Amino acid sequence: MDSKIILMIIIGYLLGSIPSGVWIGKFFYNKDIRNFGSGNMGTTNTFRVLGKKAGTVVLLMDMFKGSLAALLPFFFHSNANPLLIGVSAVIGHIFPIFAGFKGGKAVATSVGALMIYNPLFFLIAWAIFLVTLFISSMVSMASMVGFSLITLLSLLFHDWILTSVAAILTIFVFVRHWQNIERIKNGTENLVPFGLVYKRKKKHESK
């Protein structure tokens, strides 16, 4: 394997390993978000534990990790596929060396890499996620449904790398959301404070 590719994979992994939620929580709020909420270090738990401002910053940071990794072939003047290098950041986010190899669910980092690789497909994926989130009021549901539909729609682009990566990431997303699936079945999954399911729940509670 080309030494540049190996170096880019290592850099991408290290970028992905940056525990944005943990660092923001510790440095600015004196909290380790892994000890609160779902115990996850990702964007959703950051919103839940630290609020909208911190959650938005962590979302952007996690997306940027994937985007920056996908840009590495450009910086290194390499012909390596940007999406495949971006995946190294996704792996880093899931198994971060800077956080005991216990990371997040890599949705934002995956989307960040996709934004660089295929901006049009990124917009389609983002639209699917937002619509599903509005209907379900659940980030977990939006992530799983979104990745599943994205994998199917990727077939229209006739890009086997995109489809293969999307399929693999979909499997990862479902595995990482296993506990969420159980909570969805039991009707105890956490809801975001908007969307149809949230409104219906609030309306039912007010009766």
N, C-alpha and C. Protein backbone atom coordinates (compact mmCIF):
# COMPACT_ATOMS: atom_id res chain seq x y z
N MET A 1 0.84 -1.20 0.00
CA MET A 1 0.00 0.00 0.00
C MET A 1 0.88 1.25 0.00
N ASP A 2 0.46 2.26 -0.74
CA ASP A 2 1.18 3.51 -0.84
C ASP A 2 1.36 4.14 0.53
N SER A 3 2.58 4.65 0.80
CA SER A 3 2.88 5.25 2.10
C SER A 3 1.99 6.46 2.39
N LYS A 4 1.62 7.20 1.34
CA LYS A 4 0.73 8.35 1.53
C LYS A 4 -0.64 7.89 2.03
N ILE A 5 -1.13 6.80 1.45
CA ILE A 5 -2.44 6.29 1.86
C ILE A 5 -2.42 5.84 3.31
N ILE A 6 -1.35 5.16 3.70
CA ILE A 6 -1.21 4.71 5.08
C ILE A 6 -1.20 5.90 6.03
N LEU A 7 -0.43 6.94 5.64
CA LEU A 7 -0.35 8.14 6.48
C LEU A 7 -1.71 8.83 6.58
N MET A 8 -2.44 8.91 5.46
CA MET A 8 -3.75 9.54 5.47
C MET A 8 -4.74 8.76 6.34
N ILE A 9 -4.66 7.45 6.29
CA ILE A 9 -5.55 6.61 7.11
C ILE A 9 -5.26 6.85 8.59
N ILE A 10 -3.98 6.93 8.93
CA ILE A 10 -3.61 7.18 10.33
C ILE A 10 -4.09 8.55 10.78
N ILE A 11 -3.86 9.57 9.95
CA ILE A 11 -4.30 10.93 10.29
C ILE A 11 -5.82 10.98 10.40
N GLY A 12 -6.50 10.34 9.44
CA GLY A 12 -7.96 10.30 9.47
C GLY A 12 -8.48 9.64 10.74
N TYR A 13 -7.84 8.54 11.13
CA TYR A 13 -8.25 7.86 12.35
C TYR A 13 -8.05 8.75 13.57
N LEU A 14 -6.92 9.44 13.63
CA LEU A 14 -6.64 10.32 14.77
C LEU A 14 -7.62 11.49 14.82
N LEU A 15 -7.97 12.01 13.65
CA LEU A 15 -8.97 13.09 13.60
C LEU A 15 -10.31 12.59 14.15
N GLY A 16 -10.70 11.41 13.69
CA GLY A 16 -11.95 10.84 14.15
C GLY A 16 -11.95 10.53 15.63
N SER A 17 -10.77 10.26 16.19
CA SER A 17 -10.65 9.89 17.59
C SER A 17 -10.82 11.07 18.55
N ILE A 18 -10.81 12.29 18.01
CA ILE A 18 -10.98 13.47 18.87
C ILE A 18 -12.37 13.40 19.51
N PRO A 19 -12.45 13.24 20.82
CA PRO A 19 -13.75 13.11 21.50
C PRO A 19 -14.39 14.47 21.76
N SER A 20 -14.96 15.04 20.74
CA SER A 20 -15.49 16.41 20.80
C SER A 20 -16.40 16.64 22.00
N GLY A 21 -17.38 15.77 22.17
CA GLY A 21 -18.33 15.94 23.27
C GLY A 21 -17.68 15.88 24.64
N VAL A 22 -16.73 14.96 24.79
CA VAL A 22 -16.04 14.81 26.07
C VAL A 22 -15.21 16.05 26.37
N TRP A 23 -14.45 16.53 25.38
CA TRP A 23 -13.58 17.69 25.59
C TRP A 23 -14.39 18.95 25.84
N ILE A 24 -15.45 19.19 25.07
CA ILE A 24 -16.28 20.37 25.28
C ILE A 24 -16.90 20.33 26.67
N GLY A 25 -17.39 19.17 27.07
CA GLY A 25 -18.00 19.03 28.39
C GLY A 25 -17.03 19.29 29.52
N LYS A 26 -15.83 18.73 29.41
CA LYS A 26 -14.84 18.88 30.48
C LYS A 26 -14.26 20.28 30.55
N PHE A 27 -13.93 20.85 29.39
CA PHE A 27 -13.25 22.15 29.36
C PHE A 27 -14.18 23.32 29.68
N PHE A 28 -15.43 23.25 29.23
CA PHE A 28 -16.32 24.40 29.35
C PHE A 28 -17.45 24.22 30.36
N TYR A 29 -17.76 22.97 30.72
CA TYR A 29 -18.88 22.74 31.63
C TYR A 29 -18.48 21.91 32.86
N ASN A 30 -17.23 21.51 32.89
CA ASN A 30 -16.74 20.70 34.01
C ASN A 30 -17.59 19.44 34.20
N LYS A 31 -18.00 18.85 33.06
CA LYS A 31 -18.79 17.63 33.09
C LYS A 31 -18.25 16.63 32.08
N ASP A 32 -18.25 15.38 32.46
CA ASP A 32 -17.94 14.30 31.52
C ASP A 32 -19.28 13.74 31.08
N ILE A 33 -19.69 14.04 29.85
CA ILE A 33 -21.03 13.66 29.41
C ILE A 33 -21.24 12.15 29.40
N ARG A 34 -20.14 11.40 29.47
CA ARG A 34 -20.28 9.94 29.52
C ARG A 34 -20.87 9.47 30.84
N ASN A 35 -20.91 10.37 31.82
CA ASN A 35 -21.49 10.03 33.13
C ASN A 35 -22.94 10.50 33.26
N PHE A 36 -23.50 11.01 32.17
CA PHE A 36 -24.86 11.53 32.22
C PHE A 36 -25.65 11.05 31.00
N GLY A 37 -26.96 11.17 31.09
CA GLY A 37 -27.81 10.81 29.96
C GLY A 37 -27.63 9.38 29.53
N SER A 38 -27.40 9.20 28.22
CA SER A 38 -27.22 7.85 27.67
C SER A 38 -25.82 7.31 27.90
N GLY A 39 -24.91 8.19 28.35
CA GLY A 39 -23.52 7.77 28.55
C GLY A 39 -22.70 7.81 27.27
N ASN A 40 -23.33 8.24 26.18
CA ASN A 40 -22.64 8.32 24.90
C ASN A 40 -21.92 9.65 24.78
N MET A 41 -20.81 9.68 24.02
CA MET A 41 -20.04 10.92 23.90
C MET A 41 -20.42 11.73 22.66
N GLY A 42 -21.48 11.31 21.96
CA GLY A 42 -21.83 11.95 20.70
C GLY A 42 -22.71 13.18 20.82
N THR A 43 -23.17 13.62 19.65
CA THR A 43 -23.93 14.87 19.55
C THR A 43 -25.25 14.84 20.32
N THR A 44 -26.02 13.77 20.17
CA THR A 44 -27.34 13.71 20.79
C THR A 44 -27.24 13.83 22.31
N ASN A 45 -26.31 13.10 22.90
CA ASN A 45 -26.18 13.15 24.36
C ASN A 45 -25.62 14.50 24.80
N THR A 46 -24.81 15.12 23.96
CA THR A 46 -24.30 16.46 24.29
C THR A 46 -25.45 17.46 24.34
N PHE A 47 -26.35 17.40 23.35
CA PHE A 47 -27.54 18.25 23.37
C PHE A 47 -28.33 18.02 24.65
N ARG A 48 -28.48 16.75 25.00
CA ARG A 48 -29.30 16.38 26.15
C ARG A 48 -28.69 16.86 27.46
N VAL A 49 -27.38 16.71 27.60
CA VAL A 49 -26.70 17.00 28.87
C VAL A 49 -26.24 18.45 28.97
N LEU A 50 -25.69 18.99 27.89
CA LEU A 50 -25.06 20.31 27.95
C LEU A 50 -25.87 21.42 27.29
N GLY A 51 -26.86 21.07 26.49
CA GLY A 51 -27.68 22.10 25.89
C GLY A 51 -27.43 22.31 24.40
N LYS A 52 -28.21 23.22 23.81
CA LYS A 52 -28.18 23.44 22.36
C LYS A 52 -26.85 23.99 21.86
N LYS A 53 -26.28 24.95 22.59
CA LYS A 53 -25.04 25.57 22.12
C LYS A 53 -23.92 24.54 22.04
N ALA A 54 -23.72 23.79 23.12
CA ALA A 54 -22.66 22.77 23.15
C ALA A 54 -22.97 21.68 22.13
N GLY A 55 -24.24 21.29 22.02
CA GLY A 55 -24.62 20.24 21.08
C GLY A 55 -24.34 20.63 19.65
N THR A 56 -24.62 21.90 19.32
CA THR A 56 -24.37 22.38 17.96
C THR A 56 -22.88 22.40 17.65
N VAL A 57 -22.08 22.84 18.61
CA VAL A 57 -20.63 22.87 18.43
C VAL A 57 -20.09 21.45 18.21
N VAL A 58 -20.54 20.52 19.01
CA VAL A 58 -20.07 19.13 18.89
C VAL A 58 -20.52 18.53 17.56
N LEU A 59 -21.75 18.83 17.14
CA LEU A 59 -22.24 18.36 15.84
C LEU A 59 -21.33 18.83 14.72
N LEU A 60 -21.00 20.12 14.73
CA LEU A 60 -20.15 20.68 13.68
C LEU A 60 -18.73 20.10 13.75
N MET A 61 -18.22 19.93 14.96
CA MET A 61 -16.88 19.37 15.12
C MET A 61 -16.83 17.93 14.62
N ASP A 62 -17.86 17.14 14.95
CA ASP A 62 -17.88 15.74 14.52
C ASP A 62 -18.03 15.62 13.01
N MET A 63 -18.82 16.51 12.40
CA MET A 63 -18.94 16.52 10.96
C MET A 63 -17.62 16.94 10.32
N PHE A 64 -16.98 17.94 10.91
CA PHE A 64 -15.73 18.46 10.37
C PHE A 64 -14.63 17.39 10.38
N LYS A 65 -14.65 16.52 11.38
CA LYS A 65 -13.66 15.44 11.44
C LYS A 65 -13.75 14.57 10.18
N GLY A 66 -14.98 14.22 9.81
CA GLY A 66 -15.17 13.41 8.62
C GLY A 66 -14.82 14.16 7.35
N SER A 67 -15.20 15.45 7.30
CA SER A 67 -14.91 16.26 6.12
C SER A 67 -13.42 16.45 5.92
N LEU A 68 -12.72 16.76 7.01
CA LEU A 68 -11.28 17.00 6.92
C LEU A 68 -10.55 15.74 6.50
N ALA A 69 -10.99 14.59 7.03
CA ALA A 69 -10.37 13.33 6.64
C ALA A 69 -10.58 13.07 5.14
N ALA A 70 -11.79 13.35 4.66
CA ALA A 70 -12.09 13.13 3.25
C ALA A 70 -11.31 14.08 2.34
N LEU A 71 -10.86 15.21 2.90
CA LEU A 71 -10.07 16.17 2.12
C LEU A 71 -8.58 15.84 2.08
N LEU A 72 -8.17 14.89 2.87
CA LEU A 72 -6.74 14.55 2.95
C LEU A 72 -6.14 14.17 1.60
N PRO A 73 -6.83 13.39 0.74
CA PRO A 73 -6.25 13.10 -0.59
C PRO A 73 -5.94 14.35 -1.39
N PHE A 74 -6.77 15.39 -1.23
CA PHE A 74 -6.52 16.66 -1.91
C PHE A 74 -5.26 17.32 -1.36
N PHE A 75 -5.12 17.34 -0.03
CA PHE A 75 -3.96 17.96 0.59
C PHE A 75 -2.67 17.21 0.26
N PHE A 76 -2.78 15.89 0.13
CA PHE A 76 -1.60 15.06 -0.13
C PHE A 76 -1.38 14.81 -1.63
N HIS A 77 -2.20 15.43 -2.46
CA HIS A 77 -2.10 15.25 -3.92
C HIS A 77 -2.12 13.76 -4.26
N SER A 78 -3.09 13.07 -3.69
CA SER A 78 -3.21 11.63 -3.87
C SER A 78 -4.48 11.29 -4.65
N ASN A 79 -4.45 10.16 -5.33
CA ASN A 79 -5.61 9.69 -6.07
C ASN A 79 -6.50 8.78 -5.21
N ALA A 80 -6.19 8.68 -3.95
CA ALA A 80 -6.98 7.83 -3.05
C ALA A 80 -8.42 8.32 -3.00
N ASN A 81 -9.35 7.39 -2.86
CA ASN A 81 -10.76 7.75 -2.79
C ASN A 81 -11.06 8.52 -1.51
N PRO A 82 -11.60 9.73 -1.59
CA PRO A 82 -11.85 10.55 -0.39
C PRO A 82 -12.79 9.88 0.61
N LEU A 83 -13.79 9.16 0.10
CA LEU A 83 -14.75 8.52 0.99
C LEU A 83 -14.09 7.43 1.83
N LEU A 84 -13.20 6.67 1.20
CA LEU A 84 -12.53 5.60 1.93
C LEU A 84 -11.60 6.16 3.01
N ILE A 85 -10.96 7.28 2.71
CA ILE A 85 -10.12 7.92 3.73
C ILE A 85 -11.01 8.51 4.82
N GLY A 86 -12.17 9.04 4.42
CA GLY A 86 -13.12 9.57 5.40
C GLY A 86 -13.59 8.50 6.36
N VAL A 87 -13.70 7.27 5.88
CA VAL A 87 -14.14 6.15 6.73
C VAL A 87 -13.17 5.93 7.88
N SER A 88 -11.89 6.25 7.67
CA SER A 88 -10.92 6.08 8.76
C SER A 88 -11.27 6.99 9.93
N ALA A 89 -11.84 8.16 9.64
CA ALA A 89 -12.29 9.06 10.70
C ALA A 89 -13.52 8.49 11.40
N VAL A 90 -14.38 7.84 10.63
CA VAL A 90 -15.57 7.21 11.20
C VAL A 90 -15.15 6.11 12.18
N ILE A 91 -14.17 5.31 11.77
CA ILE A 91 -13.66 4.25 12.65
C ILE A 91 -13.04 4.86 13.90
N GLY A 92 -12.33 5.98 13.71
CA GLY A 92 -11.74 6.67 14.86
C GLY A 92 -12.79 7.18 15.82
N HIS A 93 -13.91 7.65 15.29
CA HIS A 93 -14.98 8.16 16.14
C HIS A 93 -15.63 7.02 16.94
N ILE A 94 -15.77 5.87 16.30
CA ILE A 94 -16.40 4.72 16.97
C ILE A 94 -15.45 4.10 18.00
N PHE A 95 -14.16 4.03 17.63
CA PHE A 95 -13.15 3.43 18.52
C PHE A 95 -12.01 4.43 18.75
N PRO A 96 -12.28 5.52 19.48
CA PRO A 96 -11.29 6.59 19.64
C PRO A 96 -10.13 6.24 20.59
N ILE A 97 -8.93 6.41 20.11
CA ILE A 97 -7.75 6.13 20.93
C ILE A 97 -7.64 7.12 22.09
N PHE A 98 -8.25 8.31 21.92
CA PHE A 98 -8.17 9.34 22.97
C PHE A 98 -9.28 9.21 24.02
N ALA A 99 -10.13 8.19 23.87
CA ALA A 99 -11.23 8.02 24.83
C ALA A 99 -11.45 6.55 25.16
N GLY A 100 -10.35 5.84 25.29
CA GLY A 100 -10.44 4.44 25.70
C GLY A 100 -11.13 3.53 24.71
N PHE A 101 -11.13 3.91 23.43
CA PHE A 101 -11.72 3.12 22.35
C PHE A 101 -13.23 2.92 22.52
N LYS A 102 -13.86 3.78 23.31
CA LYS A 102 -15.31 3.73 23.48
C LYS A 102 -15.90 5.05 22.99
N GLY A 103 -16.36 5.05 21.74
CA GLY A 103 -16.78 6.29 21.13
C GLY A 103 -18.26 6.41 20.87
N GLY A 104 -18.58 7.26 19.89
CA GLY A 104 -19.96 7.53 19.56
C GLY A 104 -20.47 6.66 18.44
N LYS A 105 -21.57 7.09 17.84
CA LYS A 105 -22.24 6.28 16.83
C LYS A 105 -21.88 6.69 15.40
N ALA A 106 -21.08 7.73 15.28
CA ALA A 106 -20.44 8.11 14.01
C ALA A 106 -21.38 8.61 12.92
N VAL A 107 -22.59 8.98 13.27
CA VAL A 107 -23.52 9.47 12.25
C VAL A 107 -23.02 10.80 11.68
N ALA A 108 -22.70 11.76 12.56
CA ALA A 108 -22.26 13.08 12.10
C ALA A 108 -20.95 13.00 11.33
N THR A 109 -20.02 12.17 11.80
CA THR A 109 -18.73 12.05 11.12
C THR A 109 -18.90 11.43 9.74
N SER A 110 -19.79 10.45 9.62
CA SER A 110 -20.08 9.83 8.32
C SER A 110 -20.66 10.85 7.36
N VAL A 111 -21.58 11.65 7.85
CA VAL A 111 -22.22 12.68 7.02
C VAL A 111 -21.19 13.72 6.58
N GLY A 112 -20.26 14.04 7.46
CA GLY A 112 -19.22 15.01 7.11
C GLY A 112 -18.35 14.52 5.97
N ALA A 113 -18.00 13.25 5.99
CA ALA A 113 -17.20 12.67 4.91
C ALA A 113 -18.00 12.64 3.61
N LEU A 114 -19.29 12.30 3.71
CA LEU A 114 -20.15 12.26 2.53
C LEU A 114 -20.30 13.64 1.90
N MET A 115 -20.31 14.68 2.70
CA MET A 115 -20.46 16.05 2.20
C MET A 115 -19.34 16.41 1.23
N ILE A 116 -18.14 15.94 1.52
CA ILE A 116 -17.00 16.22 0.64
C ILE A 116 -17.03 15.32 -0.59
N TYR A 117 -17.37 14.07 -0.38
CA TYR A 117 -17.32 13.08 -1.47
C TYR A 117 -18.39 13.33 -2.52
N ASN A 118 -19.61 13.60 -2.06
CA ASN A 118 -20.71 13.79 -3.00
C ASN A 118 -21.71 14.79 -2.41
N PRO A 119 -21.52 16.08 -2.65
CA PRO A 119 -22.38 17.12 -2.05
C PRO A 119 -23.87 16.93 -2.35
N LEU A 120 -24.21 16.50 -3.57
CA LEU A 120 -25.62 16.29 -3.92
C LEU A 120 -26.22 15.17 -3.07
N PHE A 121 -25.50 14.08 -2.95
CA PHE A 121 -26.00 12.97 -2.16
C PHE A 121 -26.07 13.34 -0.68
N PHE A 122 -25.15 14.19 -0.25
CA PHE A 122 -25.17 14.69 1.13
C PHE A 122 -26.47 15.44 1.40
N LEU A 123 -26.88 16.29 0.45
CA LEU A 123 -28.11 17.07 0.61
C LEU A 123 -29.33 16.15 0.67
N ILE A 124 -29.31 15.11 -0.17
CA ILE A 124 -30.41 14.14 -0.17
C ILE A 124 -30.46 13.41 1.18
N ALA A 125 -29.28 12.99 1.65
CA ALA A 125 -29.20 12.27 2.92
C ALA A 125 -29.67 13.15 4.08
N TRP A 126 -29.26 14.42 4.05
CA TRP A 126 -29.62 15.35 5.13
C TRP A 126 -31.13 15.59 5.13
N ALA A 127 -31.72 15.70 3.94
CA ALA A 127 -33.17 15.90 3.83
C ALA A 127 -33.92 14.69 4.39
N ILE A 128 -33.45 13.49 4.07
CA ILE A 128 -34.08 12.26 4.58
C ILE A 128 -34.01 12.23 6.10
N PHE A 129 -32.84 12.57 6.64
CA PHE A 129 -32.66 12.56 8.09
C PHE A 129 -33.62 13.54 8.77
N LEU A 130 -33.69 14.77 8.24
CA LEU A 130 -34.51 15.80 8.87
C LEU A 130 -36.00 15.46 8.81
N VAL A 131 -36.44 14.93 7.67
CA VAL A 131 -37.85 14.55 7.54
C VAL A 131 -38.20 13.42 8.50
N THR A 132 -37.32 12.42 8.58
CA THR A 132 -37.56 11.29 9.48
C THR A 132 -37.52 11.74 10.93
N LEU A 133 -36.62 12.67 11.24
CA LEU A 133 -36.53 13.20 12.60
C LEU A 133 -37.80 13.96 12.96
N PHE A 134 -38.32 14.75 12.03
CA PHE A 134 -39.54 15.51 12.29
C PHE A 134 -40.73 14.57 12.51
N ILE A 135 -40.79 13.50 11.76
CA ILE A 135 -41.91 12.56 11.90
C ILE A 135 -41.80 11.76 13.20
N SER A 136 -40.60 11.26 13.50
CA SER A 136 -40.42 10.33 14.63
C SER A 136 -40.05 11.01 15.95
N SER A 137 -39.47 12.20 15.87
CA SER A 137 -38.96 12.91 17.05
C SER A 137 -37.84 12.14 17.74
N MET A 138 -37.22 11.19 17.01
CA MET A 138 -36.15 10.37 17.58
C MET A 138 -34.92 10.40 16.68
N VAL A 139 -33.79 10.84 17.24
CA VAL A 139 -32.55 10.88 16.48
C VAL A 139 -32.14 9.48 16.08
N SER A 140 -32.32 8.53 16.98
CA SER A 140 -31.94 7.14 16.69
C SER A 140 -32.73 6.60 15.50
N MET A 141 -34.03 6.83 15.49
CA MET A 141 -34.87 6.38 14.38
C MET A 141 -34.46 7.05 13.08
N ALA A 142 -34.22 8.36 13.14
CA ALA A 142 -33.81 9.10 11.94
C ALA A 142 -32.49 8.58 11.41
N SER A 143 -31.57 8.21 12.30
CA SER A 143 -30.27 7.71 11.89
C SER A 143 -30.41 6.36 11.20
N MET A 144 -31.18 5.46 11.80
CA MET A 144 -31.31 4.11 11.23
C MET A 144 -32.11 4.11 9.93
N VAL A 145 -33.23 4.79 9.91
CA VAL A 145 -34.04 4.88 8.70
C VAL A 145 -33.27 5.63 7.61
N GLY A 146 -32.63 6.71 8.03
CA GLY A 146 -31.87 7.52 7.08
C GLY A 146 -30.77 6.74 6.39
N PHE A 147 -29.95 6.03 7.15
CA PHE A 147 -28.86 5.26 6.56
C PHE A 147 -29.39 4.13 5.68
N SER A 148 -30.50 3.52 6.08
CA SER A 148 -31.08 2.44 5.27
C SER A 148 -31.54 2.97 3.91
N LEU A 149 -32.26 4.10 3.91
CA LEU A 149 -32.73 4.69 2.66
C LEU A 149 -31.57 5.21 1.83
N ILE A 150 -30.57 5.76 2.50
CA ILE A 150 -29.40 6.27 1.79
C ILE A 150 -28.69 5.15 1.03
N THR A 151 -28.59 3.99 1.67
CA THR A 151 -27.95 2.85 1.02
C THR A 151 -28.72 2.45 -0.24
N LEU A 152 -30.05 2.41 -0.15
CA LEU A 152 -30.86 2.05 -1.31
C LEU A 152 -30.75 3.10 -2.41
N LEU A 153 -30.82 4.37 -2.03
CA LEU A 153 -30.74 5.44 -3.02
C LEU A 153 -29.36 5.54 -3.67
N SER A 154 -28.33 5.10 -2.95
CA SER A 154 -26.97 5.17 -3.50
C SER A 154 -26.85 4.32 -4.77
N LEU A 155 -27.72 3.33 -4.91
CA LEU A 155 -27.69 2.48 -6.11
C LEU A 155 -27.96 3.29 -7.38
N LEU A 156 -28.70 4.38 -7.22
CA LEU A 156 -29.03 5.23 -8.38
C LEU A 156 -27.81 5.98 -8.90
N PHE A 157 -26.78 6.10 -8.06
CA PHE A 157 -25.58 6.84 -8.46
C PHE A 157 -24.55 5.95 -9.15
N HIS A 158 -24.82 4.64 -9.18
CA HIS A 158 -23.93 3.69 -9.85
C HIS A 158 -22.48 3.83 -9.40
N ASP A 159 -22.33 3.99 -8.10
CA ASP A 159 -21.00 4.15 -7.49
C ASP A 159 -20.86 3.04 -6.45
N TRP A 160 -20.12 1.98 -6.83
CA TRP A 160 -20.07 0.80 -5.95
C TRP A 160 -19.36 1.11 -4.63
N ILE A 161 -18.42 2.06 -4.65
CA ILE A 161 -17.74 2.43 -3.41
C ILE A 161 -18.72 3.12 -2.47
N LEU A 162 -19.50 4.05 -3.00
CA LEU A 162 -20.50 4.75 -2.20
C LEU A 162 -21.51 3.77 -1.61
N THR A 163 -22.02 2.86 -2.44
CA THR A 163 -23.00 1.89 -1.97
C THR A 163 -22.42 0.95 -0.93
N SER A 164 -21.19 0.48 -1.16
CA SER A 164 -20.54 -0.44 -0.22
C SER A 164 -20.31 0.22 1.13
N VAL A 165 -19.79 1.44 1.09
CA VAL A 165 -19.53 2.17 2.34
C VAL A 165 -20.85 2.46 3.06
N ALA A 166 -21.87 2.88 2.30
CA ALA A 166 -23.18 3.17 2.90
C ALA A 166 -23.76 1.93 3.56
N ALA A 167 -23.63 0.78 2.90
CA ALA A 167 -24.16 -0.47 3.46
C ALA A 167 -23.43 -0.86 4.75
N ILE A 168 -22.12 -0.74 4.73
CA ILE A 168 -21.32 -1.09 5.91
C ILE A 168 -21.65 -0.15 7.07
N LEU A 169 -21.74 1.14 6.77
CA LEU A 169 -22.06 2.12 7.82
C LEU A 169 -23.47 1.90 8.37
N THR A 170 -24.38 1.47 7.51
CA THR A 170 -25.75 1.18 7.97
C THR A 170 -25.73 0.05 9.00
N ILE A 171 -24.94 -0.97 8.72
CA ILE A 171 -24.81 -2.08 9.68
C ILE A 171 -24.23 -1.57 10.99
N PHE A 172 -23.19 -0.73 10.91
CA PHE A 172 -22.58 -0.15 12.11
C PHE A 172 -23.61 0.65 12.91
N VAL A 173 -24.39 1.45 12.19
CA VAL A 173 -25.38 2.30 12.86
C VAL A 173 -26.41 1.46 13.60
N PHE A 174 -26.87 0.39 12.99
CA PHE A 174 -27.85 -0.48 13.65
C PHE A 174 -27.24 -1.17 14.87
N VAL A 175 -25.99 -1.61 14.74
CA VAL A 175 -25.32 -2.26 15.87
C VAL A 175 -25.14 -1.28 17.02
N ARG A 176 -24.72 -0.06 16.69
CA ARG A 176 -24.47 0.94 17.73
C ARG A 176 -25.76 1.45 18.36
N HIS A 177 -26.89 1.25 17.68
CA HIS A 177 -28.17 1.72 18.20
C HIS A 177 -29.01 0.57 18.78
N TRP A 178 -28.37 -0.53 19.12
CA TRP A 178 -29.11 -1.70 19.58
C TRP A 178 -29.96 -1.39 20.81
N GLN A 179 -29.39 -0.67 21.76
CA GLN A 179 -30.15 -0.31 22.97
C GLN A 179 -31.30 0.64 22.63
N ASN A 180 -31.05 1.51 21.66
CA ASN A 180 -32.12 2.42 21.23
C ASN A 180 -33.28 1.64 20.61
N ILE A 181 -32.95 0.60 19.86
CA ILE A 181 -34.00 -0.24 19.25
C ILE A 181 -34.88 -0.85 20.33
N GLU A 182 -34.25 -1.31 21.40
CA GLU A 182 -35.02 -1.89 22.51
C GLU A 182 -35.92 -0.85 23.16
N ARG A 183 -35.40 0.37 23.31
CA ARG A 183 -36.21 1.44 23.91
C ARG A 183 -37.35 1.86 22.99
N ILE A 184 -37.10 1.83 21.69
CA ILE A 184 -38.16 2.17 20.73
C ILE A 184 -39.27 1.13 20.84
N LYS A 185 -38.91 -0.14 20.93
CA LYS A 185 -39.89 -1.21 21.07
C LYS A 185 -40.72 -1.04 22.34
N ASN A 186 -40.04 -0.60 23.42
CA ASN A 186 -40.71 -0.45 24.71
C ASN A 186 -41.42 0.89 24.88
N GLY A 187 -41.24 1.76 23.89
CA GLY A 187 -41.87 3.08 23.96
C GLY A 187 -41.20 4.01 24.95
N THR A 188 -39.92 3.76 25.25
CA THR A 188 -39.20 4.58 26.23
C THR A 188 -38.04 5.36 25.62
N GLU A 189 -37.96 5.39 24.30
CA GLU A 189 -36.85 6.09 23.66
C GLU A 189 -36.95 7.60 23.91
N ASN A 190 -35.80 8.24 24.08
CA ASN A 190 -35.76 9.69 24.29
C ASN A 190 -36.23 10.43 23.02
N LEU A 191 -37.01 11.47 23.23
CA LEU A 191 -37.52 12.26 22.12
C LEU A 191 -36.88 13.64 22.11
N VAL A 192 -36.68 14.17 20.90
CA VAL A 192 -36.26 15.57 20.80
C VAL A 192 -37.51 16.43 21.00
N PRO A 193 -37.34 17.67 21.47
CA PRO A 193 -38.51 18.51 21.81
C PRO A 193 -39.20 19.13 20.62
N PHE A 194 -39.44 18.36 19.57
CA PHE A 194 -40.21 18.83 18.42
C PHE A 194 -40.58 17.60 17.58
N GLY A 195 -41.37 17.82 16.58
CA GLY A 195 -41.76 16.71 15.72
C GLY A 195 -43.13 16.14 16.08
N LEU A 196 -43.65 15.29 15.21
CA LEU A 196 -45.01 14.79 15.34
C LEU A 196 -45.20 13.90 16.56
N VAL A 197 -44.28 12.97 16.78
CA VAL A 197 -44.43 12.06 17.92
C VAL A 197 -44.33 12.83 19.23
N TYR A 198 -43.43 13.78 19.31
CA TYR A 198 -43.29 14.59 20.53
C TYR A 198 -44.56 15.38 20.80
N LYS A 199 -45.10 15.99 19.76
CA LYS A 199 -46.33 16.79 19.93
C LYS A 199 -47.49 15.89 20.37
N ARG A 200 -47.58 14.70 19.77
CA ARG A 200 -48.65 13.79 20.14
C ARG A 200 -48.52 13.34 21.58
N LYS A 201 -47.29 13.09 22.02
CA LYS A 201 -47.05 12.67 23.40
C LYS A 201 -47.44 13.78 24.38
N LYS A 202 -47.03 15.02 24.06
CA LYS A 202 -47.35 16.15 24.93
C LYS A 202 -48.87 16.39 24.99
N LYS A 203 -49.52 16.21 23.86
CA LYS A 203 -50.97 16.40 23.81
C LYS A 203 -51.66 15.35 24.66
N HIS A 204 -51.14 14.11 24.61
CA HIS A 204 -51.72 13.02 25.40
C HIS A 204 -51.50 13.26 26.89
N GLU A 205 -50.31 13.77 27.25
CA GLU A 205 -50.01 14.01 28.67
C GLU A 205 -50.83 15.14 29.25
N SER A 206 -51.24 16.09 28.40
CA SER A 206 -51.99 17.25 28.88
C SER A 206 -53.47 16.95 29.12
N LYS A 207 -53.91 15.78 28.65
CA LYS A 207 -55.33 15.42 28.84
C LYS A 207 -55.61 14.97 30.28
